[in-house]
Each structure stands twice: as C-alpha cells, then as structure tokens.
Amino acid sequence: MDMDNIVLEHLVALRNELKEFRQEAREELQIIRMRLNSVERTVSGAHDDNMIVQMRLDKVDEKIDKIEKRLELAAA
C-alpha cells in the first residue's frame, strides 16, 4: 500500500511538471509568433520601400533616355 502512494505521488509530480512545461512552451510559442509577425511586417515594409525606389529609378532611366535622344547621344 505504501508503494502505491509513492508511485501515485510521483505520477502527480510528473503530471504537474508536464503541465508547467506545456504552459512555458505555450508562452514561448506566443512570443515566437509575435516576433515572427514583427519580422514579417518589417520585411513587407522593406519590400514596399524597395518597390518605391525601383519605380523612381525607372522614371530616372526614362528621363535619361529622353535626354540622350534629344542630345543625340543614344542610338534611336
């Protein structure tokens, strides 16, 4: 009978430790998700900025082409 109580106590302790571990894992996963969302927003913002810069460079290219044609510096 005494051995049954010891086994039961150990099982209860193990269950409690597992419960704590699961809670810690959930909390860590929530932190990881928040940080990943932050990274995704940052990457998305950088992509948007890159697109704006690319559009501006395209406009500059067009203007340079027009200037070269007017000055007859480029082949038509």
N, C-alpha and C. Protein backbone atom coordinates (compact mmCIF):
# COMPACT_ATOMS: atom_id res chain seq x y z
N MET A 1 0.82 -1.20 0.00
CA MET A 1 0.00 0.00 0.00
C MET A 1 0.86 1.25 0.00
N ASP A 2 1.91 1.23 0.78
CA ASP A 2 2.82 2.38 0.85
C ASP A 2 3.48 2.64 -0.49
N MET A 3 3.81 1.59 -1.24
CA MET A 3 4.42 1.70 -2.55
C MET A 3 3.45 2.34 -3.53
N ASP A 4 2.16 2.03 -3.41
CA ASP A 4 1.15 2.63 -4.28
C ASP A 4 1.10 4.14 -4.08
N ASN A 5 1.21 4.58 -2.85
CA ASN A 5 1.19 6.01 -2.56
C ASN A 5 2.41 6.71 -3.14
N ILE A 6 3.56 6.07 -3.05
CA ILE A 6 4.79 6.66 -3.60
C ILE A 6 4.67 6.80 -5.11
N VAL A 7 4.19 5.76 -5.76
CA VAL A 7 4.01 5.79 -7.21
C VAL A 7 3.01 6.88 -7.58
N LEU A 8 1.91 6.95 -6.84
CA LEU A 8 0.90 7.96 -7.11
C LEU A 8 1.49 9.37 -6.93
N GLU A 9 2.26 9.58 -5.89
CA GLU A 9 2.90 10.88 -5.65
C GLU A 9 3.83 11.25 -6.81
N HIS A 10 4.59 10.29 -7.27
CA HIS A 10 5.49 10.54 -8.40
C HIS A 10 4.72 10.86 -9.68
N LEU A 11 3.65 10.14 -9.91
CA LEU A 11 2.83 10.41 -11.09
C LEU A 11 2.21 11.80 -11.03
N VAL A 12 1.74 12.19 -9.87
CA VAL A 12 1.16 13.52 -9.70
C VAL A 12 2.24 14.58 -9.92
N ALA A 13 3.43 14.37 -9.38
CA ALA A 13 4.53 15.32 -9.55
C ALA A 13 4.91 15.42 -11.03
N LEU A 14 4.98 14.28 -11.71
CA LEU A 14 5.30 14.28 -13.14
C LEU A 14 4.22 15.01 -13.94
N ARG A 15 2.97 14.78 -13.59
CA ARG A 15 1.88 15.46 -14.28
C ARG A 15 1.97 16.97 -14.08
N ASN A 16 2.29 17.40 -12.88
CA ASN A 16 2.42 18.82 -12.60
C ASN A 16 3.60 19.44 -13.37
N GLU A 17 4.70 18.71 -13.42
CA GLU A 17 5.86 19.19 -14.18
C GLU A 17 5.53 19.30 -15.66
N LEU A 18 4.82 18.32 -16.18
CA LEU A 18 4.42 18.34 -17.59
C LEU A 18 3.48 19.51 -17.85
N LYS A 19 2.57 19.76 -16.91
CA LYS A 19 1.65 20.88 -17.04
C LYS A 19 2.42 22.20 -17.09
N GLU A 20 3.39 22.36 -16.21
CA GLU A 20 4.22 23.57 -16.20
C GLU A 20 5.01 23.70 -17.50
N PHE A 21 5.57 22.60 -17.96
CA PHE A 21 6.34 22.62 -19.21
C PHE A 21 5.45 23.04 -20.38
N ARG A 22 4.26 22.50 -20.44
CA ARG A 22 3.33 22.86 -21.53
C ARG A 22 2.99 24.34 -21.48
N GLN A 23 2.76 24.86 -20.28
CA GLN A 23 2.43 26.28 -20.15
C GLN A 23 3.61 27.14 -20.60
N GLU A 24 4.81 26.78 -20.19
CA GLU A 24 6.01 27.52 -20.61
C GLU A 24 6.18 27.44 -22.13
N ALA A 25 5.94 26.26 -22.69
CA ALA A 25 6.06 26.09 -24.14
C ALA A 25 5.03 26.96 -24.87
N ARG A 26 3.82 27.02 -24.36
CA ARG A 26 2.78 27.88 -24.97
C ARG A 26 3.20 29.35 -24.93
N GLU A 27 3.73 29.78 -23.79
CA GLU A 27 4.17 31.16 -23.64
C GLU A 27 5.31 31.47 -24.61
N GLU A 28 6.27 30.57 -24.69
CA GLU A 28 7.39 30.77 -25.61
C GLU A 28 6.91 30.79 -27.06
N LEU A 29 5.99 29.92 -27.40
CA LEU A 29 5.44 29.88 -28.76
C LEU A 29 4.73 31.19 -29.08
N GLN A 30 4.01 31.73 -28.10
CA GLN A 30 3.32 33.01 -28.31
C GLN A 30 4.34 34.12 -28.57
N ILE A 31 5.42 34.13 -27.82
CA ILE A 31 6.49 35.13 -28.03
C ILE A 31 7.09 34.97 -29.42
N ILE A 32 7.36 33.73 -29.82
CA ILE A 32 7.93 33.46 -31.14
C ILE A 32 6.97 33.93 -32.24
N ARG A 33 5.70 33.69 -32.06
CA ARG A 33 4.71 34.13 -33.06
C ARG A 33 4.68 35.65 -33.17
N MET A 34 4.73 36.34 -32.03
CA MET A 34 4.72 37.80 -32.06
C MET A 34 5.97 38.33 -32.75
N ARG A 35 7.12 37.73 -32.45
CA ARG A 35 8.36 38.18 -33.08
C ARG A 35 8.35 37.88 -34.57
N LEU A 36 7.81 36.75 -34.96
CA LEU A 36 7.72 36.41 -36.38
C LEU A 36 6.81 37.39 -37.11
N ASN A 37 5.70 37.74 -36.49
CA ASN A 37 4.82 38.74 -37.09
C ASN A 37 5.54 40.07 -37.27
N SER A 38 6.34 40.44 -36.30
CA SER A 38 7.11 41.68 -36.40
C SER A 38 8.11 41.61 -37.56
N VAL A 39 8.77 40.48 -37.69
CA VAL A 39 9.72 40.30 -38.80
C VAL A 39 8.99 40.36 -40.14
N GLU A 40 7.84 39.72 -40.21
CA GLU A 40 7.06 39.74 -41.46
C GLU A 40 6.66 41.16 -41.83
N ARG A 41 6.23 41.95 -40.84
CA ARG A 41 5.85 43.34 -41.12
C ARG A 41 7.06 44.14 -41.58
N THR A 42 8.21 43.90 -40.96
CA THR A 42 9.42 44.62 -41.34
C THR A 42 9.84 44.27 -42.76
N VAL A 43 9.80 42.98 -43.09
CA VAL A 43 10.17 42.54 -44.45
C VAL A 43 9.19 43.11 -45.47
N SER A 44 7.92 43.11 -45.12
CA SER A 44 6.92 43.65 -46.03
C SER A 44 7.16 45.14 -46.26
N GLY A 45 7.47 45.87 -45.20
CA GLY A 45 7.77 47.29 -45.33
C GLY A 45 9.00 47.53 -46.19
N ALA A 46 10.03 46.71 -45.99
CA ALA A 46 11.25 46.85 -46.80
C ALA A 46 10.94 46.56 -48.26
N HIS A 47 10.09 45.58 -48.52
CA HIS A 47 9.70 45.25 -49.89
C HIS A 47 8.98 46.43 -50.53
N ASP A 48 8.06 47.03 -49.78
CA ASP A 48 7.34 48.20 -50.29
C ASP A 48 8.30 49.34 -50.61
N ASP A 49 9.24 49.59 -49.69
CA ASP A 49 10.24 50.63 -49.92
C ASP A 49 11.07 50.34 -51.16
N ASN A 50 11.44 49.08 -51.33
CA ASN A 50 12.22 48.67 -52.49
C ASN A 50 11.44 48.93 -53.78
N MET A 51 10.16 48.65 -53.77
CA MET A 51 9.33 48.87 -54.96
C MET A 51 9.26 50.37 -55.30
N ILE A 52 9.16 51.20 -54.27
CA ILE A 52 9.12 52.65 -54.50
C ILE A 52 10.42 53.13 -55.12
N VAL A 53 11.54 52.65 -54.57
CA VAL A 53 12.85 53.03 -55.11
C VAL A 53 12.97 52.55 -56.55
N GLN A 54 12.52 51.34 -56.84
CA GLN A 54 12.60 50.81 -58.19
C GLN A 54 11.78 51.65 -59.17
N MET A 55 10.59 52.06 -58.74
CA MET A 55 9.76 52.90 -59.60
C MET A 55 10.44 54.24 -59.88
N ARG A 56 11.06 54.80 -58.85
CA ARG A 56 11.76 56.08 -59.04
C ARG A 56 12.95 55.92 -59.98
N LEU A 57 13.68 54.81 -59.84
CA LEU A 57 14.81 54.56 -60.73
C LEU A 57 14.34 54.39 -62.17
N ASP A 58 13.21 53.72 -62.35
CA ASP A 58 12.65 53.56 -63.70
C ASP A 58 12.33 54.92 -64.31
N LYS A 59 11.77 55.83 -63.52
CA LYS A 59 11.48 57.17 -64.01
C LYS A 59 12.76 57.92 -64.38
N VAL A 60 13.79 57.78 -63.54
CA VAL A 60 15.07 58.43 -63.84
C VAL A 60 15.64 57.87 -65.14
N ASP A 61 15.55 56.55 -65.31
CA ASP A 61 16.02 55.91 -66.55
C ASP A 61 15.29 56.48 -67.77
N GLU A 62 13.98 56.63 -67.64
CA GLU A 62 13.20 57.19 -68.76
C GLU A 62 13.66 58.61 -69.07
N LYS A 63 13.88 59.39 -68.04
CA LYS A 63 14.32 60.78 -68.25
C LYS A 63 15.70 60.82 -68.90
N ILE A 64 16.59 59.96 -68.46
CA ILE A 64 17.94 59.91 -69.07
C ILE A 64 17.84 59.51 -70.53
N ASP A 65 16.99 58.53 -70.83
CA ASP A 65 16.79 58.12 -72.23
C ASP A 65 16.31 59.30 -73.08
N LYS A 66 15.35 60.06 -72.58
CA LYS A 66 14.83 61.21 -73.31
C LYS A 66 15.93 62.26 -73.53
N ILE A 67 16.71 62.51 -72.51
CA ILE A 67 17.80 63.49 -72.61
C ILE A 67 18.82 63.04 -73.65
N GLU A 68 19.19 61.75 -73.60
CA GLU A 68 20.15 61.23 -74.55
C GLU A 68 19.62 61.34 -75.99
N LYS A 69 18.35 61.08 -76.18
CA LYS A 69 17.77 61.20 -77.53
C LYS A 69 17.77 62.64 -78.00
N ARG A 70 17.42 63.56 -77.12
CA ARG A 70 17.41 64.97 -77.50
C ARG A 70 18.81 65.47 -77.87
N LEU A 71 19.79 64.97 -77.11
CA LEU A 71 21.17 65.37 -77.39
C LEU A 71 21.82 64.51 -78.47
N GLU A 72 21.05 63.57 -78.98
CA GLU A 72 21.52 62.64 -79.99
C GLU A 72 22.75 61.87 -79.52
N LEU A 73 22.73 61.50 -78.26
CA LEU A 73 23.83 60.72 -77.67
C LEU A 73 23.54 59.21 -77.74
N ALA A 74 22.30 58.87 -77.94
CA ALA A 74 21.92 57.46 -77.95
C ALA A 74 21.40 57.10 -79.34
N ALA A 75 21.59 55.85 -79.68
CA ALA A 75 21.04 55.36 -80.95
C ALA A 75 19.54 55.32 -80.84
N ALA A 76 18.84 55.77 -81.85
CA ALA A 76 17.38 55.84 -81.82
C ALA A 76 16.73 54.50 -81.87
